[in-house]
Amino acid sequence: MEEPFLSPIGFTWSYDVRQTEIHTAEPLVPELSAYEFEMAIEKVKTNKSPGTDHIPAELMTAGGRAIQSEIHKLINLIWYKEEFPEEWKKLIIIPIYKENDKNRL
């Protein structure tokens, strides 16, 4: 144990604290499983406006296994690379006015 050093208030213990990086052969959080993806697809809200990609949420359910498999691969690729596509970082907000009154949202 290190010797304490005196301070104006009393004495304090000094310790050398360093941040440690952890390197593992496997990711700490596993990628999205097919089951988890299917459960998420079931919870997708329909009849909503599409995002900047102009792809409606209904496409994931109506497209069947082929589309879902490709979207699942894309999500896991993004997870592995740890980087979102630039298009996913954009947001469009459209105000919806109440009773044609542009002063009330």
N, C-alpha and C. Protein backbone atom coordinates (compact mmCIF):
# COMPACT_ATOMS: atom_id res chain seq x y z
N MET A 1 0.85 -1.17 0.00
CA MET A 1 0.00 0.00 0.00
C MET A 1 0.90 1.23 0.00
N GLU A 2 0.44 2.26 -0.73
CA GLU A 2 1.21 3.48 -0.81
C GLU A 2 1.07 4.30 0.47
N GLU A 3 2.04 5.14 0.69
CA GLU A 3 2.01 6.04 1.84
C GLU A 3 1.02 7.17 1.58
N PRO A 4 0.25 7.56 2.57
CA PRO A 4 -0.66 8.69 2.38
C PRO A 4 0.13 9.99 2.30
N PHE A 5 -0.41 10.98 1.56
CA PHE A 5 0.22 12.29 1.56
C PHE A 5 -0.72 13.26 2.25
N LEU A 6 -0.14 14.28 2.86
CA LEU A 6 -0.92 15.24 3.64
C LEU A 6 -1.51 16.29 2.73
N SER A 7 -2.72 16.68 2.98
CA SER A 7 -3.38 17.77 2.27
C SER A 7 -3.85 18.77 3.31
N PRO A 8 -4.26 19.95 2.90
CA PRO A 8 -4.71 20.95 3.88
C PRO A 8 -5.90 20.46 4.72
N ILE A 9 -6.69 19.54 4.19
CA ILE A 9 -7.86 19.06 4.91
C ILE A 9 -7.51 17.89 5.83
N GLY A 10 -6.54 17.14 5.51
CA GLY A 10 -6.19 15.95 6.27
C GLY A 10 -5.22 15.13 5.44
N PHE A 11 -5.44 13.84 5.37
CA PHE A 11 -4.59 13.04 4.50
C PHE A 11 -5.44 12.26 3.51
N THR A 12 -4.85 11.91 2.38
CA THR A 12 -5.53 11.24 1.29
C THR A 12 -4.66 10.11 0.77
N TRP A 13 -5.31 9.00 0.35
CA TRP A 13 -4.57 7.91 -0.27
C TRP A 13 -4.50 8.18 -1.76
N SER A 14 -3.38 7.92 -2.34
CA SER A 14 -3.19 8.11 -3.77
C SER A 14 -3.03 6.75 -4.44
N TYR A 15 -3.82 6.51 -5.49
CA TYR A 15 -3.72 5.26 -6.22
C TYR A 15 -3.56 5.56 -7.70
N ASP A 16 -2.86 4.70 -8.39
CA ASP A 16 -2.68 4.84 -9.83
C ASP A 16 -3.82 4.08 -10.51
N VAL A 17 -4.76 4.84 -11.10
CA VAL A 17 -5.92 4.23 -11.76
C VAL A 17 -5.76 4.43 -13.26
N ARG A 18 -5.80 3.35 -14.00
CA ARG A 18 -5.67 3.41 -15.45
C ARG A 18 -6.83 2.68 -16.09
N GLN A 19 -7.22 3.17 -17.26
CA GLN A 19 -8.28 2.52 -18.01
C GLN A 19 -7.70 1.33 -18.76
N THR A 20 -8.42 0.24 -18.76
CA THR A 20 -7.95 -0.96 -19.41
C THR A 20 -8.82 -1.29 -20.61
N GLU A 21 -8.22 -1.59 -21.74
CA GLU A 21 -8.97 -2.02 -22.91
C GLU A 21 -9.13 -3.53 -22.85
N ILE A 22 -10.29 -4.00 -23.27
CA ILE A 22 -10.55 -5.43 -23.28
C ILE A 22 -10.58 -5.89 -24.73
N HIS A 23 -9.75 -6.85 -25.07
CA HIS A 23 -9.73 -7.42 -26.41
C HIS A 23 -10.16 -8.88 -26.30
N THR A 24 -11.24 -9.20 -27.02
CA THR A 24 -11.74 -10.57 -26.99
C THR A 24 -11.87 -11.10 -28.41
N ALA A 25 -11.96 -12.39 -28.54
CA ALA A 25 -12.14 -13.01 -29.85
C ALA A 25 -13.58 -12.86 -30.32
N GLU A 26 -14.51 -12.68 -29.40
CA GLU A 26 -15.92 -12.56 -29.74
C GLU A 26 -16.43 -11.19 -29.30
N PRO A 27 -17.43 -10.65 -30.01
CA PRO A 27 -17.99 -9.37 -29.57
C PRO A 27 -18.65 -9.50 -28.20
N LEU A 28 -18.64 -8.42 -27.42
CA LEU A 28 -19.25 -8.44 -26.10
C LEU A 28 -20.76 -8.55 -26.17
N VAL A 29 -21.37 -7.99 -27.22
CA VAL A 29 -22.80 -8.10 -27.42
C VAL A 29 -23.00 -8.84 -28.75
N PRO A 30 -23.69 -9.97 -28.72
CA PRO A 30 -23.86 -10.74 -29.95
C PRO A 30 -24.72 -10.01 -30.97
N GLU A 31 -24.55 -10.38 -32.24
CA GLU A 31 -25.36 -9.75 -33.28
C GLU A 31 -26.81 -10.18 -33.15
N LEU A 32 -27.66 -9.52 -33.89
CA LEU A 32 -29.10 -9.76 -33.85
C LEU A 32 -29.42 -11.14 -34.41
N SER A 33 -30.10 -11.96 -33.63
CA SER A 33 -30.46 -13.30 -34.10
C SER A 33 -31.67 -13.21 -35.03
N ALA A 34 -31.89 -14.26 -35.79
CA ALA A 34 -33.04 -14.31 -36.70
C ALA A 34 -34.34 -14.23 -35.89
N TYR A 35 -34.38 -14.88 -34.75
CA TYR A 35 -35.58 -14.85 -33.90
C TYR A 35 -35.86 -13.43 -33.41
N GLU A 36 -34.82 -12.74 -32.92
CA GLU A 36 -35.00 -11.36 -32.43
C GLU A 36 -35.48 -10.46 -33.56
N PHE A 37 -34.94 -10.67 -34.76
CA PHE A 37 -35.35 -9.86 -35.92
C PHE A 37 -36.82 -10.11 -36.24
N GLU A 38 -37.25 -11.37 -36.24
CA GLU A 38 -38.64 -11.70 -36.51
C GLU A 38 -39.57 -11.06 -35.48
N MET A 39 -39.17 -11.08 -34.21
CA MET A 39 -39.99 -10.48 -33.16
C MET A 39 -40.09 -8.96 -33.37
N ALA A 40 -39.01 -8.33 -33.79
CA ALA A 40 -39.03 -6.89 -34.04
C ALA A 40 -39.92 -6.56 -35.24
N ILE A 41 -39.87 -7.38 -36.29
CA ILE A 41 -40.71 -7.16 -37.47
C ILE A 41 -42.19 -7.21 -37.10
N GLU A 42 -42.55 -8.12 -36.21
CA GLU A 42 -43.95 -8.24 -35.79
C GLU A 42 -44.43 -6.98 -35.06
N LYS A 43 -43.51 -6.22 -34.45
CA LYS A 43 -43.88 -5.03 -33.69
C LYS A 43 -43.85 -3.75 -34.53
N VAL A 44 -43.45 -3.84 -35.79
CA VAL A 44 -43.36 -2.66 -36.65
C VAL A 44 -44.74 -2.05 -36.85
N LYS A 45 -44.83 -0.75 -36.65
CA LYS A 45 -46.10 -0.04 -36.83
C LYS A 45 -46.32 0.20 -38.32
N THR A 46 -47.53 -0.05 -38.78
CA THR A 46 -47.85 0.17 -40.19
C THR A 46 -48.62 1.48 -40.35
N ASN A 47 -48.84 1.83 -41.60
CA ASN A 47 -49.57 3.07 -41.95
C ASN A 47 -48.86 4.31 -41.42
N LYS A 48 -47.55 4.29 -41.41
CA LYS A 48 -46.74 5.45 -41.00
C LYS A 48 -45.97 5.95 -42.21
N SER A 49 -45.58 7.21 -42.20
CA SER A 49 -44.80 7.78 -43.30
C SER A 49 -43.42 7.15 -43.35
N PRO A 50 -42.93 6.85 -44.55
CA PRO A 50 -41.57 6.30 -44.65
C PRO A 50 -40.53 7.37 -44.34
N GLY A 51 -39.33 6.93 -44.05
CA GLY A 51 -38.24 7.86 -43.75
C GLY A 51 -37.59 8.39 -45.02
N THR A 52 -36.36 8.86 -44.90
CA THR A 52 -35.64 9.43 -46.04
C THR A 52 -35.36 8.40 -47.12
N ASP A 53 -35.42 7.12 -46.78
CA ASP A 53 -35.19 6.08 -47.78
C ASP A 53 -36.43 5.80 -48.63
N HIS A 54 -37.57 6.38 -48.24
CA HIS A 54 -38.84 6.23 -48.94
C HIS A 54 -39.32 4.78 -49.00
N ILE A 55 -38.90 3.96 -48.07
CA ILE A 55 -39.32 2.56 -48.01
C ILE A 55 -40.32 2.42 -46.87
N PRO A 56 -41.56 2.06 -47.18
CA PRO A 56 -42.56 1.91 -46.11
C PRO A 56 -42.28 0.69 -45.25
N ALA A 57 -42.69 0.77 -44.00
CA ALA A 57 -42.48 -0.34 -43.06
C ALA A 57 -43.20 -1.60 -43.53
N GLU A 58 -44.31 -1.43 -44.24
CA GLU A 58 -45.08 -2.58 -44.72
C GLU A 58 -44.26 -3.46 -45.66
N LEU A 59 -43.25 -2.90 -46.30
CA LEU A 59 -42.41 -3.68 -47.22
C LEU A 59 -41.71 -4.83 -46.49
N MET A 60 -41.33 -4.59 -45.23
CA MET A 60 -40.63 -5.65 -44.48
C MET A 60 -41.54 -6.85 -44.24
N THR A 61 -42.81 -6.60 -44.00
CA THR A 61 -43.71 -7.71 -43.75
C THR A 61 -44.24 -8.30 -45.06
N ALA A 62 -44.57 -7.45 -46.03
CA ALA A 62 -45.12 -7.92 -47.29
C ALA A 62 -44.05 -8.56 -48.18
N GLY A 63 -42.80 -8.19 -47.99
CA GLY A 63 -41.72 -8.70 -48.83
C GLY A 63 -41.35 -10.14 -48.56
N GLY A 64 -41.85 -10.68 -47.47
CA GLY A 64 -41.59 -12.08 -47.16
C GLY A 64 -40.16 -12.33 -46.68
N ARG A 65 -39.80 -13.60 -46.64
CA ARG A 65 -38.50 -14.04 -46.11
C ARG A 65 -37.31 -13.47 -46.87
N ALA A 66 -37.44 -13.33 -48.19
CA ALA A 66 -36.30 -12.84 -49.00
C ALA A 66 -35.89 -11.44 -48.56
N ILE A 67 -36.85 -10.53 -48.47
CA ILE A 67 -36.55 -9.15 -48.06
C ILE A 67 -36.09 -9.13 -46.60
N GLN A 68 -36.78 -9.86 -45.74
CA GLN A 68 -36.43 -9.88 -44.33
C GLN A 68 -35.02 -10.41 -44.11
N SER A 69 -34.63 -11.41 -44.87
CA SER A 69 -33.28 -11.97 -44.75
C SER A 69 -32.22 -10.94 -45.13
N GLU A 70 -32.47 -10.19 -46.19
CA GLU A 70 -31.51 -9.17 -46.62
C GLU A 70 -31.43 -8.02 -45.62
N ILE A 71 -32.56 -7.61 -45.07
CA ILE A 71 -32.56 -6.53 -44.06
C ILE A 71 -31.83 -7.01 -42.81
N HIS A 72 -32.04 -8.26 -42.43
CA HIS A 72 -31.36 -8.84 -41.27
C HIS A 72 -29.85 -8.84 -41.49
N LYS A 73 -29.40 -9.22 -42.69
CA LYS A 73 -27.96 -9.21 -43.01
C LYS A 73 -27.41 -7.79 -42.93
N LEU A 74 -28.17 -6.82 -43.45
CA LEU A 74 -27.74 -5.42 -43.44
C LEU A 74 -27.59 -4.92 -42.00
N ILE A 75 -28.55 -5.23 -41.15
CA ILE A 75 -28.48 -4.79 -39.76
C ILE A 75 -27.26 -5.39 -39.06
N ASN A 76 -27.01 -6.67 -39.29
CA ASN A 76 -25.84 -7.30 -38.66
C ASN A 76 -24.53 -6.75 -39.21
N LEU A 77 -24.50 -6.39 -40.49
CA LEU A 77 -23.30 -5.77 -41.06
C LEU A 77 -23.04 -4.42 -40.40
N ILE A 78 -24.10 -3.64 -40.22
CA ILE A 78 -23.97 -2.34 -39.54
C ILE A 78 -23.50 -2.55 -38.10
N TRP A 79 -24.03 -3.55 -37.44
CA TRP A 79 -23.64 -3.87 -36.06
C TRP A 79 -22.15 -4.22 -36.01
N TYR A 80 -21.71 -5.04 -36.96
CA TYR A 80 -20.31 -5.48 -36.99
C TYR A 80 -19.37 -4.31 -37.27
N LYS A 81 -19.72 -3.45 -38.23
CA LYS A 81 -18.88 -2.31 -38.59
C LYS A 81 -18.97 -1.16 -37.58
N GLU A 82 -20.04 -1.16 -36.77
CA GLU A 82 -20.29 -0.11 -35.79
C GLU A 82 -20.41 1.27 -36.43
N GLU A 83 -21.10 1.32 -37.58
CA GLU A 83 -21.26 2.59 -38.28
C GLU A 83 -22.57 2.59 -39.05
N PHE A 84 -23.39 3.63 -38.82
CA PHE A 84 -24.64 3.77 -39.54
C PHE A 84 -24.38 4.33 -40.93
N PRO A 85 -25.21 3.96 -41.91
CA PRO A 85 -25.15 4.65 -43.21
C PRO A 85 -25.52 6.11 -43.01
N GLU A 86 -24.92 6.99 -43.79
CA GLU A 86 -25.17 8.43 -43.66
C GLU A 86 -26.65 8.76 -43.81
N GLU A 87 -27.34 8.05 -44.71
CA GLU A 87 -28.75 8.33 -44.94
C GLU A 87 -29.59 8.09 -43.69
N TRP A 88 -29.15 7.20 -42.82
CA TRP A 88 -29.91 6.88 -41.61
C TRP A 88 -29.74 7.96 -40.54
N LYS A 89 -28.83 8.87 -40.74
CA LYS A 89 -28.58 9.92 -39.75
C LYS A 89 -29.43 11.16 -40.03
N LYS A 90 -30.18 11.15 -41.13
CA LYS A 90 -31.01 12.29 -41.51
C LYS A 90 -32.42 12.10 -40.98
N LEU A 91 -33.09 13.21 -40.73
CA LEU A 91 -34.44 13.16 -40.18
C LEU A 91 -35.27 14.25 -40.84
N ILE A 92 -36.46 13.90 -41.22
CA ILE A 92 -37.38 14.89 -41.80
C ILE A 92 -38.57 15.00 -40.85
N ILE A 93 -38.84 16.22 -40.42
CA ILE A 93 -39.98 16.47 -39.53
C ILE A 93 -40.99 17.33 -40.30
N ILE A 94 -42.22 16.84 -40.39
CA ILE A 94 -43.28 17.57 -41.08
C ILE A 94 -44.34 17.91 -40.05
N PRO A 95 -44.55 19.20 -39.79
CA PRO A 95 -45.58 19.57 -38.81
C PRO A 95 -46.97 19.28 -39.35
N ILE A 96 -47.83 18.80 -38.48
CA ILE A 96 -49.23 18.55 -38.84
C ILE A 96 -50.07 19.51 -38.00
N TYR A 97 -50.69 20.44 -38.68
CA TYR A 97 -51.45 21.47 -37.99
C TYR A 97 -52.85 20.98 -37.64
N LYS A 98 -53.39 21.48 -36.54
CA LYS A 98 -54.72 21.11 -36.10
C LYS A 98 -55.75 22.03 -36.75
N GLU A 99 -56.78 21.45 -37.33
CA GLU A 99 -57.92 22.18 -37.88
C GLU A 99 -57.50 23.33 -38.79
N ASN A 100 -56.52 23.10 -39.65
CA ASN A 100 -56.05 24.09 -40.62
C ASN A 100 -55.56 25.39 -39.99
N ASP A 101 -55.22 25.37 -38.72
CA ASP A 101 -54.71 26.54 -38.02
C ASP A 101 -53.19 26.40 -37.91
N LYS A 102 -52.45 27.19 -38.68
CA LYS A 102 -50.99 27.04 -38.72
C LYS A 102 -50.29 27.56 -37.46
N ASN A 103 -51.05 28.02 -36.50
CA ASN A 103 -50.46 28.48 -35.23
C ASN A 103 -50.50 27.38 -34.18
N ARG A 104 -51.30 26.33 -34.41
CA ARG A 104 -51.42 25.24 -33.43
C ARG A 104 -50.96 23.94 -34.06
N LEU A 105 -50.06 23.26 -33.36
CA LEU A 105 -49.58 21.94 -33.81
C LEU A 105 -50.29 20.85 -33.08
